[in-house]
Amino acid sequence: MSYIEERVMNLEQLNENRIEQALIFLTGTDEDHAKLSGEVKYLEEAIKQAKAHSFLEAEGTVAERDAKALASLKYDLAIQTHLKAYVDFKQLDNQRNHEIRIIDIWRTLSSNRRQGNI
């Protein structure tokens, strides 16, 4: 079974227990989500700092110094660190958004049931 097939659920399975699981997941990941978001923002600035440090250490014309800064090990390391943090953040963010969608669908279904539309 593929990842997508595992994640797609039958609407009949969407009950209070599943909503409780979603809420527990969201509550349990609030802090990690915030930390990863902050880390991504911090590392965006770290990339700029790495480039600036490498630029100041380089010699040559402005264009040459800029090229050397972009090709520097410091800059590459900053980019790689940011990329890893961003991927971690997006994975958690996507999981949280999935759970939020589950709750939204459940709300819509519950409302329709109360109104007799289902």
N, C-alpha and C. Protein backbone atom coordinates (compact mmCIF):
# COMPACT_ATOMS: atom_id res chain seq x y z
N MET A 1 0.84 -1.18 0.00
CA MET A 1 0.00 0.00 0.00
C MET A 1 0.89 1.24 0.00
N SER A 2 0.56 2.21 -0.82
CA SER A 2 1.37 3.42 -0.93
C SER A 2 1.10 4.37 0.24
N TYR A 3 1.99 5.35 0.37
CA TYR A 3 1.84 6.35 1.43
C TYR A 3 0.50 7.06 1.30
N ILE A 4 0.13 7.42 0.08
CA ILE A 4 -1.14 8.15 -0.12
C ILE A 4 -2.31 7.26 0.25
N GLU A 5 -2.26 6.00 -0.16
CA GLU A 5 -3.35 5.09 0.18
C GLU A 5 -3.47 4.90 1.69
N GLU A 6 -2.33 4.90 2.39
CA GLU A 6 -2.36 4.76 3.85
C GLU A 6 -2.97 5.99 4.51
N ARG A 7 -2.72 7.17 3.93
CA ARG A 7 -3.18 8.42 4.53
C ARG A 7 -4.65 8.71 4.24
N VAL A 8 -5.16 8.18 3.12
CA VAL A 8 -6.56 8.42 2.77
C VAL A 8 -7.42 7.53 3.64
N MET A 9 -8.41 8.13 4.23
CA MET A 9 -9.25 7.34 5.11
C MET A 9 -10.67 7.34 4.60
N ASN A 10 -11.33 6.29 4.91
CA ASN A 10 -12.74 6.17 4.63
C ASN A 10 -13.48 7.14 5.54
N LEU A 11 -14.43 7.87 4.99
CA LEU A 11 -15.16 8.85 5.80
C LEU A 11 -15.91 8.18 6.95
N GLU A 12 -16.22 6.91 6.81
CA GLU A 12 -16.89 6.18 7.89
C GLU A 12 -15.97 6.04 9.12
N GLN A 13 -14.67 6.06 8.88
CA GLN A 13 -13.71 5.94 9.98
C GLN A 13 -13.51 7.26 10.71
N LEU A 14 -14.08 8.31 10.18
CA LEU A 14 -13.89 9.64 10.75
C LEU A 14 -14.88 9.83 11.90
N ASN A 15 -14.43 9.52 13.10
CA ASN A 15 -15.29 9.63 14.28
C ASN A 15 -14.58 10.42 15.37
N GLU A 16 -15.21 10.48 16.52
CA GLU A 16 -14.65 11.26 17.62
C GLU A 16 -13.27 10.76 18.05
N ASN A 17 -13.06 9.45 17.97
CA ASN A 17 -11.74 8.91 18.34
C ASN A 17 -10.65 9.42 17.41
N ARG A 18 -10.95 9.46 16.11
CA ARG A 18 -9.95 9.96 15.15
C ARG A 18 -9.69 11.44 15.36
N ILE A 19 -10.73 12.19 15.69
CA ILE A 19 -10.57 13.62 15.95
C ILE A 19 -9.74 13.83 17.21
N GLU A 20 -9.97 13.00 18.19
CA GLU A 20 -9.16 13.09 19.42
C GLU A 20 -7.69 12.82 19.10
N GLN A 21 -7.42 11.83 18.25
CA GLN A 21 -6.04 11.56 17.85
C GLN A 21 -5.42 12.77 17.15
N ALA A 22 -6.21 13.41 16.30
CA ALA A 22 -5.71 14.60 15.58
C ALA A 22 -5.38 15.71 16.57
N LEU A 23 -6.27 15.93 17.52
CA LEU A 23 -6.05 17.00 18.50
C LEU A 23 -4.85 16.70 19.39
N ILE A 24 -4.69 15.45 19.77
CA ILE A 24 -3.54 15.06 20.58
C ILE A 24 -2.25 15.28 19.79
N PHE A 25 -2.26 14.90 18.51
CA PHE A 25 -1.07 15.11 17.67
C PHE A 25 -0.75 16.59 17.56
N LEU A 26 -1.76 17.41 17.30
CA LEU A 26 -1.53 18.84 17.15
C LEU A 26 -0.99 19.45 18.44
N THR A 27 -1.60 19.09 19.56
CA THR A 27 -1.14 19.59 20.85
C THR A 27 0.28 19.13 21.15
N GLY A 28 0.56 17.88 20.83
CA GLY A 28 1.87 17.31 21.11
C GLY A 28 2.99 17.84 20.22
N THR A 29 2.63 18.45 19.11
CA THR A 29 3.66 18.94 18.19
C THR A 29 3.74 20.46 18.13
N ASP A 30 2.94 21.14 18.94
CA ASP A 30 2.97 22.61 18.94
C ASP A 30 4.37 23.15 19.17
N GLU A 31 5.03 22.65 20.20
CA GLU A 31 6.34 23.17 20.58
C GLU A 31 7.40 22.85 19.52
N ASP A 32 7.40 21.61 19.03
CA ASP A 32 8.36 21.23 17.99
C ASP A 32 8.14 22.06 16.72
N HIS A 33 6.89 22.30 16.38
CA HIS A 33 6.57 23.09 15.20
C HIS A 33 7.11 24.51 15.36
N ALA A 34 6.91 25.08 16.52
CA ALA A 34 7.40 26.44 16.78
C ALA A 34 8.93 26.49 16.75
N LYS A 35 9.56 25.49 17.36
CA LYS A 35 11.03 25.46 17.38
C LYS A 35 11.60 25.32 15.97
N LEU A 36 11.02 24.43 15.18
CA LEU A 36 11.52 24.25 13.82
C LEU A 36 11.28 25.49 12.98
N SER A 37 10.16 26.15 13.18
CA SER A 37 9.88 27.39 12.45
C SER A 37 10.91 28.45 12.82
N GLY A 38 11.21 28.57 14.10
CA GLY A 38 12.22 29.53 14.55
C GLY A 38 13.60 29.18 14.03
N GLU A 39 13.91 27.89 14.00
CA GLU A 39 15.22 27.45 13.50
C GLU A 39 15.38 27.80 12.02
N VAL A 40 14.33 27.60 11.25
CA VAL A 40 14.38 27.94 9.82
C VAL A 40 14.62 29.43 9.65
N LYS A 41 13.92 30.25 10.41
CA LYS A 41 14.11 31.71 10.32
C LYS A 41 15.54 32.09 10.73
N TYR A 42 16.02 31.51 11.80
CA TYR A 42 17.38 31.78 12.26
C TYR A 42 18.40 31.41 11.19
N LEU A 43 18.22 30.24 10.60
CA LEU A 43 19.19 29.76 9.61
C LEU A 43 19.14 30.58 8.33
N GLU A 44 18.02 31.20 8.03
CA GLU A 44 17.98 32.12 6.89
C GLU A 44 18.95 33.28 7.12
N GLU A 45 19.01 33.76 8.34
CA GLU A 45 19.96 34.82 8.68
C GLU A 45 21.39 34.28 8.72
N ALA A 46 21.55 33.03 9.17
CA ALA A 46 22.88 32.43 9.22
C ALA A 46 23.47 32.29 7.82
N ILE A 47 22.63 32.05 6.84
CA ILE A 47 23.10 31.97 5.45
C ILE A 47 23.68 33.33 5.03
N LYS A 48 22.96 34.40 5.37
CA LYS A 48 23.43 35.74 5.03
C LYS A 48 24.75 36.05 5.74
N GLN A 49 24.85 35.64 7.00
CA GLN A 49 26.08 35.87 7.76
C GLN A 49 27.24 35.09 7.17
N ALA A 50 27.00 33.85 6.80
CA ALA A 50 28.06 33.02 6.22
C ALA A 50 28.57 33.64 4.92
N LYS A 51 27.64 34.13 4.12
CA LYS A 51 28.04 34.78 2.86
C LYS A 51 28.85 36.05 3.16
N ALA A 52 28.38 36.84 4.11
CA ALA A 52 29.07 38.09 4.45
C ALA A 52 30.47 37.82 4.98
N HIS A 53 30.61 36.83 5.86
CA HIS A 53 31.94 36.49 6.40
C HIS A 53 32.87 36.05 5.29
N SER A 54 32.37 35.20 4.42
CA SER A 54 33.19 34.72 3.31
C SER A 54 33.54 35.84 2.35
N PHE A 55 32.61 36.75 2.14
CA PHE A 55 32.85 37.90 1.27
C PHE A 55 33.98 38.75 1.83
N LEU A 56 33.93 39.01 3.15
CA LEU A 56 34.97 39.84 3.78
C LEU A 56 36.33 39.17 3.77
N GLU A 57 36.38 37.86 3.80
CA GLU A 57 37.65 37.13 3.81
C GLU A 57 38.25 37.02 2.40
N ALA A 58 37.43 37.18 1.38
CA ALA A 58 37.88 37.00 0.00
C ALA A 58 38.61 38.25 -0.50
N GLU A 59 39.38 38.04 -1.56
CA GLU A 59 40.08 39.15 -2.21
C GLU A 59 39.64 39.23 -3.66
N GLY A 60 39.80 40.41 -4.23
CA GLY A 60 39.45 40.62 -5.63
C GLY A 60 38.39 41.69 -5.78
N THR A 61 37.82 41.76 -6.95
CA THR A 61 36.76 42.73 -7.20
C THR A 61 35.52 42.32 -6.41
N VAL A 62 34.55 43.21 -6.37
CA VAL A 62 33.30 42.89 -5.67
C VAL A 62 32.66 41.64 -6.27
N ALA A 63 32.62 41.56 -7.59
CA ALA A 63 32.02 40.40 -8.25
C ALA A 63 32.80 39.12 -7.92
N GLU A 64 34.11 39.20 -7.88
CA GLU A 64 34.93 38.03 -7.54
C GLU A 64 34.72 37.63 -6.09
N ARG A 65 34.67 38.61 -5.22
CA ARG A 65 34.45 38.32 -3.79
C ARG A 65 33.08 37.70 -3.56
N ASP A 66 32.09 38.22 -4.29
CA ASP A 66 30.73 37.68 -4.18
C ASP A 66 30.70 36.22 -4.65
N ALA A 67 31.34 35.95 -5.78
CA ALA A 67 31.39 34.59 -6.31
C ALA A 67 32.12 33.66 -5.34
N LYS A 68 33.23 34.12 -4.77
CA LYS A 68 33.98 33.31 -3.80
C LYS A 68 33.14 33.05 -2.55
N ALA A 69 32.39 34.06 -2.13
CA ALA A 69 31.54 33.89 -0.95
C ALA A 69 30.47 32.82 -1.20
N LEU A 70 29.85 32.88 -2.37
CA LEU A 70 28.82 31.90 -2.72
C LEU A 70 29.39 30.49 -2.88
N ALA A 71 30.64 30.39 -3.25
CA ALA A 71 31.29 29.09 -3.44
C ALA A 71 32.00 28.61 -2.17
N SER A 72 31.94 29.38 -1.10
CA SER A 72 32.69 29.04 0.11
C SER A 72 32.07 27.86 0.86
N LEU A 73 32.91 27.20 1.63
CA LEU A 73 32.47 26.09 2.47
C LEU A 73 31.49 26.57 3.54
N LYS A 74 31.75 27.74 4.13
CA LYS A 74 30.85 28.30 5.15
C LYS A 74 29.44 28.48 4.60
N TYR A 75 29.37 29.05 3.42
CA TYR A 75 28.07 29.31 2.79
C TYR A 75 27.37 27.99 2.46
N ASP A 76 28.12 27.04 1.90
CA ASP A 76 27.54 25.74 1.56
C ASP A 76 27.02 25.04 2.81
N LEU A 77 27.78 25.08 3.89
CA LEU A 77 27.35 24.46 5.14
C LEU A 77 26.08 25.12 5.67
N ALA A 78 26.01 26.43 5.58
CA ALA A 78 24.82 27.16 6.03
C ALA A 78 23.60 26.77 5.20
N ILE A 79 23.79 26.64 3.90
CA ILE A 79 22.69 26.24 3.01
C ILE A 79 22.23 24.82 3.35
N GLN A 80 23.18 23.91 3.53
CA GLN A 80 22.82 22.52 3.85
C GLN A 80 22.09 22.41 5.19
N THR A 81 22.54 23.15 6.18
CA THR A 81 21.90 23.15 7.49
C THR A 81 20.48 23.70 7.40
N HIS A 82 20.33 24.78 6.65
CA HIS A 82 19.01 25.37 6.45
C HIS A 82 18.09 24.38 5.73
N LEU A 83 18.60 23.73 4.71
CA LEU A 83 17.79 22.79 3.95
C LEU A 83 17.27 21.66 4.83
N LYS A 84 18.12 21.10 5.66
CA LYS A 84 17.70 20.02 6.55
C LYS A 84 16.61 20.50 7.51
N ALA A 85 16.82 21.66 8.10
CA ALA A 85 15.83 22.20 9.03
C ALA A 85 14.51 22.49 8.31
N TYR A 86 14.61 23.02 7.09
CA TYR A 86 13.41 23.34 6.32
C TYR A 86 12.62 22.07 5.97
N VAL A 87 13.33 21.02 5.57
CA VAL A 87 12.66 19.75 5.26
C VAL A 87 11.97 19.19 6.51
N ASP A 88 12.67 19.21 7.64
CA ASP A 88 12.07 18.73 8.89
C ASP A 88 10.83 19.55 9.24
N PHE A 89 10.94 20.87 9.10
CA PHE A 89 9.81 21.74 9.39
C PHE A 89 8.63 21.44 8.47
N LYS A 90 8.90 21.33 7.18
CA LYS A 90 7.81 21.10 6.22
C LYS A 90 7.14 19.75 6.43
N GLN A 91 7.92 18.73 6.80
CA GLN A 91 7.31 17.42 7.07
C GLN A 91 6.34 17.51 8.24
N LEU A 92 6.78 18.15 9.32
CA LEU A 92 5.91 18.30 10.47
C LEU A 92 4.73 19.22 10.14
N ASP A 93 4.99 20.29 9.43
CA ASP A 93 3.93 21.22 9.04
C ASP A 93 2.89 20.52 8.17
N ASN A 94 3.33 19.70 7.23
CA ASN A 94 2.39 18.96 6.39
C ASN A 94 1.57 17.96 7.19
N GLN A 95 2.20 17.29 8.14
CA GLN A 95 1.47 16.35 9.01
C GLN A 95 0.41 17.10 9.82
N ARG A 96 0.79 18.25 10.35
CA ARG A 96 -0.16 19.04 11.14
C ARG A 96 -1.31 19.54 10.26
N ASN A 97 -1.00 19.98 9.06
CA ASN A 97 -2.05 20.44 8.15
C ASN A 97 -3.00 19.31 7.77
N HIS A 98 -2.46 18.10 7.64
CA HIS A 98 -3.31 16.93 7.36
C HIS A 98 -4.31 16.73 8.50
N GLU A 99 -3.80 16.79 9.72
CA GLU A 99 -4.68 16.60 10.88
C GLU A 99 -5.72 17.72 10.98
N ILE A 100 -5.35 18.92 10.65
CA ILE A 100 -6.29 20.04 10.66
C ILE A 100 -7.38 19.81 9.62
N ARG A 101 -6.99 19.30 8.44
CA ARG A 101 -7.99 19.00 7.40
C ARG A 101 -8.95 17.91 7.87
N ILE A 102 -8.43 16.90 8.57
CA ILE A 102 -9.28 15.84 9.12
C ILE A 102 -10.34 16.45 10.04
N ILE A 103 -9.90 17.35 10.92
CA ILE A 103 -10.83 18.00 11.85
C ILE A 103 -11.85 18.83 11.08
N ASP A 104 -11.41 19.57 10.06
CA ASP A 104 -12.33 20.38 9.26
C ASP A 104 -13.37 19.52 8.54
N ILE A 105 -12.91 18.39 7.98
CA ILE A 105 -13.85 17.49 7.30
C ILE A 105 -14.86 16.94 8.30
N TRP A 106 -14.38 16.56 9.47
CA TRP A 106 -15.28 16.03 10.51
C TRP A 106 -16.32 17.08 10.92
N ARG A 107 -15.88 18.33 11.05
CA ARG A 107 -16.83 19.40 11.38
C ARG A 107 -17.92 19.53 10.32
N THR A 108 -17.50 19.50 9.06
CA THR A 108 -18.46 19.61 7.96
C THR A 108 -19.42 18.44 7.97
N LEU A 109 -18.90 17.22 8.11
CA LEU A 109 -19.76 16.04 8.15
C LEU A 109 -20.71 16.09 9.35
N SER A 110 -20.21 16.49 10.50
CA SER A 110 -21.05 16.58 11.69
C SER A 110 -22.17 17.60 11.50
N SER A 111 -21.84 18.72 10.91
CA SER A 111 -22.84 19.75 10.65
C SER A 111 -23.90 19.23 9.68
N ASN A 112 -23.43 18.56 8.63
CA ASN A 112 -24.39 17.99 7.66
C ASN A 112 -25.28 16.94 8.29
N ARG A 113 -24.72 16.13 9.17
CA ARG A 113 -25.51 15.11 9.87
C ARG A 113 -26.57 15.75 10.75
N ARG A 114 -26.19 16.81 11.45
CA ARG A 114 -27.15 17.50 12.32
C ARG A 114 -28.28 18.11 11.52
N GLN A 115 -27.97 18.58 10.31
CA GLN A 115 -28.99 19.19 9.46
C GLN A 115 -29.75 18.16 8.65
N GLY A 116 -29.37 16.91 8.78
CA GLY A 116 -30.07 15.84 8.06
C GLY A 116 -29.69 15.71 6.62
N ASN A 117 -28.55 16.28 6.23
CA ASN A 117 -28.12 16.20 4.84
C ASN A 117 -27.39 14.90 4.52
N ILE A 118 -27.02 14.15 5.54
CA ILE A 118 -26.30 12.88 5.30
C ILE A 118 -27.08 11.77 5.97
